[in-house]
């Protein structure tokens, strides 16, 4: 039997990740959704408009542990797609120039995706919303931090060019 494969779909905010995950889900693939929105909404209910920026390191520790739990869940099928990965947490800390705790790096070293699909900034589809505090320029900077972090952890990456959802999904599937 083939081993289970884990693919992460990542990129800066507003680059189309969730649309791809939704399409994979429609096609009955196992998908793990982005967790950060739940934490952001919870923070807003507690009176913090931008909970990540309030305390980036504590927020990241919580998010990292949740993403690791998501990664370690027993897969329902041969292939799982993740809307953002464990390593993205460190890219965001780099973006805000926060000091990264050594333990976070050690935790990330234990996680290996089969492949990371990185979506480039795409101004025409970028939209700000209640949970997305970054503007397009910041989204672009985060994109470059994500590329650097996946290179640092030696995870193979594919830059997924701007295209329709269907064409992007088919491109990803060509690697599975």
N, C-alpha and C. Protein backbone atom coordinates (compact mmCIF):
# COMPACT_ATOMS: atom_id res chain seq x y z
N UNK A 1 0.84 -1.18 0.00
CA UNK A 1 0.00 0.00 0.00
C UNK A 1 0.89 1.26 0.00
N UNK A 2 0.48 2.27 -0.72
CA UNK A 2 1.22 3.53 -0.76
C UNK A 2 1.12 4.24 0.58
N UNK A 3 2.14 5.03 0.90
CA UNK A 3 2.08 5.81 2.13
C UNK A 3 1.14 7.00 1.93
N UNK A 4 0.68 7.51 3.05
CA UNK A 4 -0.20 8.69 3.02
C UNK A 4 0.63 9.90 2.62
N UNK A 5 0.04 10.76 1.81
CA UNK A 5 0.74 11.96 1.35
C UNK A 5 0.09 13.20 1.95
N UNK A 6 0.95 14.16 2.29
CA UNK A 6 0.50 15.40 2.90
C UNK A 6 1.04 16.57 2.10
N UNK A 7 0.12 17.37 1.59
CA UNK A 7 0.47 18.53 0.78
C UNK A 7 -0.06 19.79 1.44
N UNK A 8 0.77 20.81 1.52
CA UNK A 8 0.34 22.08 2.09
C UNK A 8 0.16 23.09 0.96
N UNK A 9 -0.90 23.86 1.09
CA UNK A 9 -1.16 24.96 0.16
C UNK A 9 -1.00 26.23 0.97
N UNK A 10 -0.05 27.06 0.57
CA UNK A 10 0.27 28.23 1.37
C UNK A 10 0.56 29.43 0.46
N UNK A 11 0.82 30.54 1.07
CA UNK A 11 1.08 31.78 0.37
C UNK A 11 0.61 32.93 1.24
N UNK A 12 0.83 34.12 0.78
CA UNK A 12 0.40 35.28 1.55
C UNK A 12 -1.12 35.35 1.65
N UNK A 13 -1.62 36.18 2.56
CA UNK A 13 -3.07 36.34 2.70
C UNK A 13 -3.71 36.77 1.38
N UNK A 14 -4.86 36.20 1.10
CA UNK A 14 -5.64 36.62 -0.06
C UNK A 14 -5.11 36.14 -1.40
N UNK A 15 -4.38 35.02 -1.41
CA UNK A 15 -3.81 34.53 -2.67
C UNK A 15 -4.60 33.36 -3.28
N UNK A 16 -5.68 32.93 -2.62
CA UNK A 16 -6.54 31.90 -3.19
C UNK A 16 -6.45 30.52 -2.55
N UNK A 17 -5.79 30.40 -1.42
CA UNK A 17 -5.60 29.10 -0.77
C UNK A 17 -6.92 28.42 -0.41
N UNK A 18 -7.78 29.14 0.26
CA UNK A 18 -9.03 28.55 0.74
C UNK A 18 -9.92 28.13 -0.42
N UNK A 19 -9.90 28.88 -1.50
CA UNK A 19 -10.69 28.49 -2.68
C UNK A 19 -10.23 27.15 -3.22
N UNK A 20 -8.91 26.92 -3.21
CA UNK A 20 -8.39 25.64 -3.68
C UNK A 20 -8.78 24.52 -2.72
N UNK A 21 -8.64 24.76 -1.43
CA UNK A 21 -9.03 23.75 -0.43
C UNK A 21 -10.50 23.40 -0.60
N UNK A 22 -11.33 24.40 -0.80
CA UNK A 22 -12.78 24.14 -0.99
C UNK A 22 -13.04 23.28 -2.23
N UNK A 23 -12.27 23.52 -3.29
CA UNK A 23 -12.43 22.72 -4.50
C UNK A 23 -11.97 21.29 -4.26
N UNK A 24 -10.86 21.11 -3.56
CA UNK A 24 -10.42 19.74 -3.23
C UNK A 24 -11.47 19.03 -2.37
N UNK A 25 -12.07 19.74 -1.47
CA UNK A 25 -13.11 19.15 -0.63
C UNK A 25 -14.32 18.72 -1.47
N UNK A 26 -14.70 19.55 -2.44
CA UNK A 26 -15.79 19.18 -3.35
C UNK A 26 -15.49 17.90 -4.11
N UNK A 27 -14.19 17.67 -4.33
CA UNK A 27 -13.75 16.47 -5.05
C UNK A 27 -13.47 15.30 -4.09
N UNK A 28 -13.92 15.45 -2.86
CA UNK A 28 -13.82 14.41 -1.82
C UNK A 28 -12.42 14.08 -1.36
N UNK A 29 -11.52 15.05 -1.44
CA UNK A 29 -10.20 14.87 -0.85
C UNK A 29 -10.27 15.24 0.62
N UNK A 30 -9.39 14.64 1.41
CA UNK A 30 -9.27 14.99 2.81
C UNK A 30 -8.58 16.35 2.91
N UNK A 31 -9.22 17.31 3.58
CA UNK A 31 -8.67 18.66 3.69
C UNK A 31 -8.71 19.13 5.14
N UNK A 32 -7.67 19.82 5.52
CA UNK A 32 -7.60 20.45 6.84
C UNK A 32 -7.62 21.96 6.63
N UNK A 33 -8.58 22.59 7.28
CA UNK A 33 -8.81 24.02 7.06
C UNK A 33 -7.92 24.89 7.95
N UNK A 34 -7.79 26.13 7.53
CA UNK A 34 -7.02 27.13 8.26
C UNK A 34 -7.60 27.31 9.67
N UNK A 35 -6.74 27.37 10.65
CA UNK A 35 -7.16 27.49 12.05
C UNK A 35 -7.10 28.92 12.54
N UNK A 36 -6.26 29.74 11.95
CA UNK A 36 -5.99 31.07 12.48
C UNK A 36 -7.26 31.93 12.58
N UNK A 37 -8.20 31.73 11.68
CA UNK A 37 -9.43 32.53 11.73
C UNK A 37 -10.19 32.29 13.03
N UNK A 38 -10.24 31.04 13.47
CA UNK A 38 -10.93 30.73 14.72
C UNK A 38 -10.27 31.45 15.89
N UNK A 39 -8.94 31.45 15.92
CA UNK A 39 -8.22 32.15 16.99
C UNK A 39 -8.43 33.66 16.91
N UNK A 40 -8.46 34.18 15.70
CA UNK A 40 -8.66 35.62 15.51
C UNK A 40 -10.06 36.03 15.96
N UNK A 41 -11.06 35.25 15.59
CA UNK A 41 -12.44 35.55 15.99
C UNK A 41 -12.58 35.48 17.51
N UNK A 42 -11.97 34.47 18.11
CA UNK A 42 -11.98 34.33 19.57
C UNK A 42 -11.34 35.56 20.21
N UNK A 43 -10.20 35.99 19.68
CA UNK A 43 -9.52 37.17 20.20
C UNK A 43 -10.37 38.42 20.09
N UNK A 44 -11.07 38.56 18.97
CA UNK A 44 -11.94 39.73 18.78
C UNK A 44 -13.06 39.73 19.82
N UNK A 45 -13.62 38.55 20.11
CA UNK A 45 -14.67 38.45 21.13
C UNK A 45 -14.15 38.84 22.51
N UNK A 46 -12.84 38.63 22.71
CA UNK A 46 -12.21 38.99 23.98
C UNK A 46 -11.70 40.43 23.99
N UNK A 47 -11.98 41.18 22.90
CA UNK A 47 -11.64 42.59 22.84
C UNK A 47 -10.33 42.94 22.17
N UNK A 48 -9.71 41.98 21.49
CA UNK A 48 -8.43 42.23 20.81
C UNK A 48 -8.66 42.23 19.31
N UNK A 49 -8.56 43.41 18.70
CA UNK A 49 -8.83 43.53 17.28
C UNK A 49 -7.84 42.72 16.45
N UNK A 50 -6.57 42.75 16.83
CA UNK A 50 -5.53 42.02 16.09
C UNK A 50 -4.74 41.19 17.10
N UNK A 51 -5.31 40.06 17.48
CA UNK A 51 -4.76 39.24 18.56
C UNK A 51 -3.34 38.77 18.27
N UNK A 52 -3.00 38.48 17.03
CA UNK A 52 -1.63 38.07 16.69
C UNK A 52 -0.65 39.19 17.01
N UNK A 53 -0.99 40.41 16.64
CA UNK A 53 -0.08 41.54 16.83
C UNK A 53 0.05 41.92 18.30
N UNK A 54 -0.94 41.59 19.12
CA UNK A 54 -0.90 41.88 20.55
C UNK A 54 0.25 41.13 21.22
N UNK A 55 0.39 39.85 20.89
CA UNK A 55 1.47 39.05 21.45
C UNK A 55 1.82 37.95 20.44
N UNK A 56 2.63 38.30 19.44
CA UNK A 56 2.91 37.35 18.35
C UNK A 56 3.46 36.00 18.80
N UNK A 57 4.35 36.00 19.79
CA UNK A 57 4.97 34.75 20.20
C UNK A 57 3.96 33.81 20.88
N UNK A 58 3.16 34.33 21.80
CA UNK A 58 2.16 33.48 22.46
C UNK A 58 1.11 32.99 21.47
N UNK A 59 0.67 33.87 20.60
CA UNK A 59 -0.30 33.49 19.58
C UNK A 59 0.28 32.37 18.72
N UNK A 60 1.53 32.52 18.32
CA UNK A 60 2.19 31.54 17.46
C UNK A 60 2.34 30.20 18.15
N UNK A 61 2.69 30.21 19.42
CA UNK A 61 2.82 28.95 20.16
C UNK A 61 1.50 28.18 20.15
N UNK A 62 0.41 28.88 20.38
CA UNK A 62 -0.92 28.24 20.37
C UNK A 62 -1.25 27.72 18.98
N UNK A 63 -1.05 28.57 17.97
CA UNK A 63 -1.36 28.20 16.60
C UNK A 63 -0.49 27.03 16.13
N UNK A 64 0.78 27.07 16.45
CA UNK A 64 1.69 26.00 16.06
C UNK A 64 1.24 24.66 16.63
N UNK A 65 0.90 24.64 17.91
CA UNK A 65 0.44 23.39 18.52
C UNK A 65 -0.85 22.88 17.86
N UNK A 66 -1.75 23.78 17.53
CA UNK A 66 -2.99 23.38 16.85
C UNK A 66 -2.69 22.82 15.46
N UNK A 67 -1.78 23.46 14.75
CA UNK A 67 -1.44 22.96 13.41
C UNK A 67 -0.70 21.63 13.47
N UNK A 68 0.12 21.44 14.48
CA UNK A 68 0.80 20.16 14.65
C UNK A 68 -0.23 19.06 14.94
N UNK A 69 -1.20 19.37 15.78
CA UNK A 69 -2.28 18.39 16.05
C UNK A 69 -3.03 18.06 14.77
N UNK A 70 -3.29 19.07 13.97
CA UNK A 70 -3.96 18.87 12.68
C UNK A 70 -3.11 17.95 11.80
N UNK A 71 -1.83 18.21 11.74
CA UNK A 71 -0.90 17.40 10.93
C UNK A 71 -0.86 15.95 11.40
N UNK A 72 -0.91 15.76 12.71
CA UNK A 72 -0.78 14.42 13.30
C UNK A 72 -2.07 13.62 13.33
N UNK A 73 -3.18 14.23 12.94
CA UNK A 73 -4.43 13.48 12.90
C UNK A 73 -4.31 12.31 11.93
N UNK A 74 -4.95 11.23 12.27
CA UNK A 74 -4.94 10.08 11.36
C UNK A 74 -5.69 10.46 10.08
N UNK A 75 -5.01 10.37 8.93
CA UNK A 75 -5.65 10.77 7.67
C UNK A 75 -6.83 9.86 7.32
N UNK A 76 -7.85 10.49 6.74
CA UNK A 76 -9.03 9.74 6.32
C UNK A 76 -8.83 9.08 4.96
N UNK A 77 -7.81 9.53 4.25
CA UNK A 77 -7.57 8.99 2.90
C UNK A 77 -6.07 9.07 2.59
N UNK A 78 -5.71 8.66 1.39
CA UNK A 78 -4.30 8.61 0.98
C UNK A 78 -3.66 9.99 0.88
N UNK A 79 -4.46 11.01 0.57
CA UNK A 79 -3.93 12.36 0.35
C UNK A 79 -4.67 13.34 1.25
N UNK A 80 -3.90 14.21 1.90
CA UNK A 80 -4.49 15.29 2.69
C UNK A 80 -3.90 16.60 2.20
N UNK A 81 -4.77 17.59 2.06
CA UNK A 81 -4.36 18.95 1.71
C UNK A 81 -4.59 19.84 2.92
N UNK A 82 -3.60 20.68 3.22
CA UNK A 82 -3.66 21.59 4.36
C UNK A 82 -3.71 23.03 3.88
N UNK A 83 -4.65 23.79 4.42
CA UNK A 83 -4.74 25.23 4.17
C UNK A 83 -3.79 25.89 5.17
N UNK A 84 -2.60 26.15 4.73
CA UNK A 84 -1.47 26.65 5.51
C UNK A 84 -0.82 25.52 6.29
N UNK A 85 0.46 25.69 6.55
CA UNK A 85 1.20 24.65 7.24
C UNK A 85 1.80 25.12 8.54
N UNK A 86 2.36 24.17 9.23
CA UNK A 86 3.01 24.40 10.51
C UNK A 86 4.08 25.49 10.37
N UNK A 87 4.88 25.42 9.34
CA UNK A 87 6.02 26.32 9.16
C UNK A 87 5.62 27.77 8.90
N UNK A 88 4.41 27.97 8.42
CA UNK A 88 3.93 29.33 8.15
C UNK A 88 3.98 30.20 9.41
N UNK A 89 3.80 29.55 10.56
CA UNK A 89 3.80 30.31 11.82
C UNK A 89 5.11 31.07 12.00
N UNK A 90 6.21 30.45 11.64
CA UNK A 90 7.52 31.10 11.78
C UNK A 90 7.71 32.20 10.73
N UNK A 91 7.14 31.99 9.56
CA UNK A 91 7.22 33.03 8.52
C UNK A 91 6.52 34.31 9.00
N UNK A 92 5.40 34.15 9.69
CA UNK A 92 4.69 35.32 10.22
C UNK A 92 5.49 36.00 11.32
N UNK A 93 6.15 35.22 12.17
CA UNK A 93 7.01 35.82 13.19
C UNK A 93 8.15 36.60 12.53
N UNK A 94 8.73 36.05 11.47
CA UNK A 94 9.77 36.78 10.73
C UNK A 94 9.21 38.07 10.15
N UNK A 95 7.99 38.00 9.65
CA UNK A 95 7.36 39.17 9.04
C UNK A 95 7.24 40.33 10.05
N UNK A 96 6.87 40.01 11.30
CA UNK A 96 6.71 41.07 12.30
C UNK A 96 8.01 41.29 13.08
N UNK A 97 9.08 40.61 12.64
CA UNK A 97 10.41 40.75 13.24
C UNK A 97 10.42 40.39 14.72
N UNK A 98 9.67 39.33 15.07
CA UNK A 98 9.65 38.83 16.44
C UNK A 98 10.77 37.81 16.62
N UNK A 99 11.28 37.74 17.81
CA UNK A 99 12.31 36.75 18.12
C UNK A 99 11.65 35.37 18.15
N UNK A 100 12.26 34.41 17.46
CA UNK A 100 11.68 33.07 17.38
C UNK A 100 12.29 32.18 18.45
N UNK A 101 11.42 31.62 19.24
CA UNK A 101 11.81 30.69 20.31
C UNK A 101 12.41 29.43 19.69
N UNK A 102 13.53 28.97 20.21
CA UNK A 102 14.22 27.77 19.71
C UNK A 102 13.29 26.55 19.69
N UNK A 103 12.43 26.43 20.68
CA UNK A 103 11.50 25.28 20.74
C UNK A 103 10.55 25.25 19.55
N UNK A 104 10.17 26.42 19.06
CA UNK A 104 9.30 26.47 17.88
C UNK A 104 10.02 25.90 16.66
N UNK A 105 11.27 26.25 16.52
CA UNK A 105 12.06 25.73 15.40
C UNK A 105 12.18 24.21 15.51
N UNK A 106 12.45 23.73 16.72
CA UNK A 106 12.60 22.29 16.93
C UNK A 106 11.29 21.56 16.61
N UNK A 107 10.16 22.12 16.99
CA UNK A 107 8.87 21.50 16.68
C UNK A 107 8.66 21.45 15.16
N UNK A 108 9.01 22.52 14.48
CA UNK A 108 8.83 22.57 13.03
C UNK A 108 9.74 21.58 12.31
N UNK A 109 10.91 21.31 12.86
CA UNK A 109 11.83 20.35 12.24
C UNK A 109 11.22 18.95 12.16
N UNK A 110 10.28 18.66 13.03
CA UNK A 110 9.66 17.32 13.07
C UNK A 110 8.57 17.12 12.02
N UNK A 111 8.19 18.21 11.36
CA UNK A 111 7.08 18.16 10.40
C UNK A 111 7.62 18.26 8.99
N UNK A 112 7.24 17.29 8.16
CA UNK A 112 7.64 17.30 6.75
C UNK A 112 6.42 17.05 5.87
N UNK A 113 6.13 17.98 5.02
CA UNK A 113 5.08 17.78 4.02
C UNK A 113 5.73 17.15 2.79
N UNK A 114 4.96 16.41 2.03
CA UNK A 114 5.50 15.83 0.80
C UNK A 114 5.83 16.92 -0.21
N UNK A 115 5.05 17.99 -0.18
CA UNK A 115 5.26 19.09 -1.11
C UNK A 115 4.48 20.30 -0.60
N UNK A 116 5.04 21.48 -0.80
CA UNK A 116 4.35 22.73 -0.45
C UNK A 116 4.06 23.49 -1.75
N UNK A 117 2.80 23.79 -1.95
CA UNK A 117 2.39 24.61 -3.10
C UNK A 117 2.23 26.03 -2.57
N UNK A 118 3.04 26.95 -3.11
CA UNK A 118 3.03 28.33 -2.63
C UNK A 118 2.38 29.22 -3.68
N UNK A 119 1.35 29.92 -3.25
CA UNK A 119 0.61 30.80 -4.15
C UNK A 119 1.17 32.21 -4.08
N UNK A 120 1.52 32.80 -5.22
CA UNK A 120 2.08 34.15 -5.23
C UNK A 120 1.00 35.20 -4.97
N UNK A 121 1.42 36.39 -4.58
CA UNK A 121 0.46 37.48 -4.37
C UNK A 121 -0.32 37.74 -5.65
N UNK A 122 -1.59 38.04 -5.48
CA UNK A 122 -2.47 38.26 -6.65
C UNK A 122 -3.42 39.39 -6.31
N UNK A 123 -3.05 40.59 -6.68
CA UNK A 123 -3.80 41.78 -6.27
C UNK A 123 -5.25 41.77 -6.75
N UNK A 124 -5.48 41.19 -7.92
CA UNK A 124 -6.85 41.20 -8.48
C UNK A 124 -7.83 40.37 -7.64
N UNK A 125 -7.37 39.38 -6.90
CA UNK A 125 -8.30 38.58 -6.09
C UNK A 125 -8.16 38.89 -4.60
N UNK A 126 -7.15 39.67 -4.23
CA UNK A 126 -6.93 39.99 -2.82
C UNK A 126 -8.12 40.77 -2.26
N UNK A 127 -8.58 40.35 -1.09
CA UNK A 127 -9.66 41.07 -0.40
C UNK A 127 -9.36 41.13 1.08
N UNK A 128 -9.54 42.29 1.65
CA UNK A 128 -9.40 42.44 3.09
C UNK A 128 -10.74 42.02 3.72
N UNK A 129 -10.69 41.43 4.91
CA UNK A 129 -11.92 41.06 5.59
C UNK A 129 -11.74 41.24 7.10
N UNK A 130 -12.71 40.79 7.88
CA UNK A 130 -12.68 41.00 9.33
C UNK A 130 -11.51 40.33 10.03
N UNK A 131 -10.97 39.28 9.45
CA UNK A 131 -9.86 38.55 10.09
C UNK A 131 -8.52 38.80 9.41
N UNK A 132 -8.52 39.46 8.30
CA UNK A 132 -7.27 39.69 7.55
C UNK A 132 -6.87 41.16 7.75
N UNK A 133 -5.88 41.38 8.57
CA UNK A 133 -5.45 42.75 8.86
C UNK A 133 -4.40 43.26 7.88
N UNK A 134 -3.75 42.36 7.14
CA UNK A 134 -2.67 42.75 6.24
C UNK A 134 -3.21 43.39 4.96
N UNK A 135 -2.51 44.42 4.50
CA UNK A 135 -2.85 44.98 3.20
C UNK A 135 -2.11 44.17 2.13
N UNK A 136 -2.29 44.51 0.87
CA UNK A 136 -1.69 43.71 -0.20
C UNK A 136 -0.16 43.75 -0.15
N UNK A 137 0.41 44.91 0.14
CA UNK A 137 1.87 45.01 0.23
C UNK A 137 2.41 44.09 1.34
N UNK A 138 1.73 44.05 2.47
CA UNK A 138 2.15 43.17 3.56
C UNK A 138 1.98 41.70 3.18
N UNK A 139 0.91 41.42 2.48
CA UNK A 139 0.68 40.05 2.00
C UNK A 139 1.85 39.59 1.12
N UNK A 140 2.35 40.49 0.30
CA UNK A 140 3.49 40.18 -0.57
C UNK A 140 4.74 39.90 0.26
N UNK A 141 4.97 40.68 1.29
CA UNK A 141 6.13 40.45 2.16
C UNK A 141 6.01 39.10 2.87
N UNK A 142 4.82 38.76 3.31
CA UNK A 142 4.59 37.47 3.97
C UNK A 142 4.89 36.32 3.00
N UNK A 143 4.48 36.48 1.75
CA UNK A 143 4.76 35.48 0.71
C UNK A 143 6.26 35.17 0.64
N UNK A 144 7.09 36.21 0.63
CA UNK A 144 8.54 35.99 0.56
C UNK A 144 9.08 35.35 1.84
N UNK A 145 8.50 35.69 2.97
CA UNK A 145 8.92 35.05 4.23
C UNK A 145 8.54 33.56 4.21
N UNK A 146 7.40 33.24 3.63
CA UNK A 146 6.96 31.84 3.53
C UNK A 146 7.93 31.05 2.65
N UNK A 147 8.31 31.62 1.53
CA UNK A 147 9.28 30.94 0.65
C UNK A 147 10.57 30.66 1.42
N UNK A 148 11.07 31.67 2.13
CA UNK A 148 12.32 31.51 2.89
C UNK A 148 12.20 30.42 3.95
N UNK A 149 11.07 30.36 4.64
CA UNK A 149 10.94 29.40 5.74
C UNK A 149 10.85 27.97 5.22
N UNK A 150 10.14 27.76 4.11
CA UNK A 150 10.07 26.41 3.55
C UNK A 150 11.43 25.98 2.99
N UNK A 151 12.18 26.92 2.44
CA UNK A 151 13.55 26.61 2.00
C UNK A 151 14.42 26.25 3.20
N UNK A 152 14.29 27.00 4.28
CA UNK A 152 15.08 26.75 5.49
C UNK A 152 14.84 25.33 6.01
N UNK A 153 13.59 24.88 5.98
CA UNK A 153 13.26 23.55 6.48
C UNK A 153 13.38 22.47 5.40
N UNK A 154 13.89 22.87 4.24
CA UNK A 154 14.16 21.94 3.13
C UNK A 154 12.94 21.13 2.72
N UNK A 155 11.83 21.83 2.61
CA UNK A 155 10.60 21.22 2.11
C UNK A 155 10.46 21.62 0.64
N UNK A 156 10.29 20.63 -0.22
CA UNK A 156 10.16 20.91 -1.64
C UNK A 156 8.94 21.79 -1.89
N UNK A 157 9.13 22.78 -2.75
CA UNK A 157 8.05 23.73 -3.04
C UNK A 157 7.81 23.85 -4.54
N UNK A 158 6.58 24.19 -4.84
CA UNK A 158 6.16 24.53 -6.21
C UNK A 158 5.45 25.88 -6.11
N UNK A 159 5.90 26.86 -6.87
CA UNK A 159 5.19 28.13 -6.95
C UNK A 159 4.05 27.92 -7.93
N UNK A 160 2.84 28.07 -7.45
CA UNK A 160 1.65 27.81 -8.26
C UNK A 160 1.18 29.12 -8.89
N UNK A 161 1.38 29.23 -10.17
CA UNK A 161 1.09 30.48 -10.87
C UNK A 161 -0.39 30.85 -10.82
N UNK A 162 -0.64 32.12 -11.06
CA UNK A 162 -2.01 32.64 -11.09
C UNK A 162 -2.76 31.97 -12.24
N UNK A 163 -3.93 31.44 -11.92
CA UNK A 163 -4.73 30.74 -12.92
C UNK A 163 -6.11 30.48 -12.31
N UNK A 164 -6.99 29.89 -13.05
CA UNK A 164 -8.32 29.57 -12.53
C UNK A 164 -8.19 28.52 -11.42
N UNK A 165 -9.21 28.44 -10.60
CA UNK A 165 -9.21 27.44 -9.52
C UNK A 165 -9.06 26.05 -10.11
N UNK A 166 -9.80 25.74 -11.15
CA UNK A 166 -9.76 24.41 -11.77
C UNK A 166 -8.37 24.09 -12.30
N UNK A 167 -7.75 25.05 -12.99
CA UNK A 167 -6.41 24.81 -13.53
C UNK A 167 -5.37 24.66 -12.42
N UNK A 168 -5.52 25.44 -11.37
CA UNK A 168 -4.59 25.31 -10.24
C UNK A 168 -4.75 23.95 -9.57
N UNK A 169 -5.98 23.54 -9.36
CA UNK A 169 -6.23 22.23 -8.73
C UNK A 169 -5.66 21.11 -9.60
N UNK A 170 -5.91 21.18 -10.89
CA UNK A 170 -5.37 20.15 -11.80
C UNK A 170 -3.86 20.14 -11.80
N UNK A 171 -3.23 21.30 -11.71
CA UNK A 171 -1.76 21.38 -11.63
C UNK A 171 -1.28 20.68 -10.37
N UNK A 172 -1.92 20.97 -9.24
CA UNK A 172 -1.54 20.33 -7.98
C UNK A 172 -1.71 18.82 -8.10
N UNK A 173 -2.82 18.38 -8.65
CA UNK A 173 -3.09 16.94 -8.77
C UNK A 173 -2.07 16.24 -9.66
N UNK A 174 -1.45 16.97 -10.57
CA UNK A 174 -0.44 16.36 -11.43
C UNK A 174 0.81 15.95 -10.62
N UNK A 175 0.95 16.47 -9.42
CA UNK A 175 2.08 16.14 -8.56
C UNK A 175 1.75 15.06 -7.52
N UNK A 176 0.50 14.64 -7.48
CA UNK A 176 0.12 13.68 -6.44
C UNK A 176 0.35 12.26 -6.93
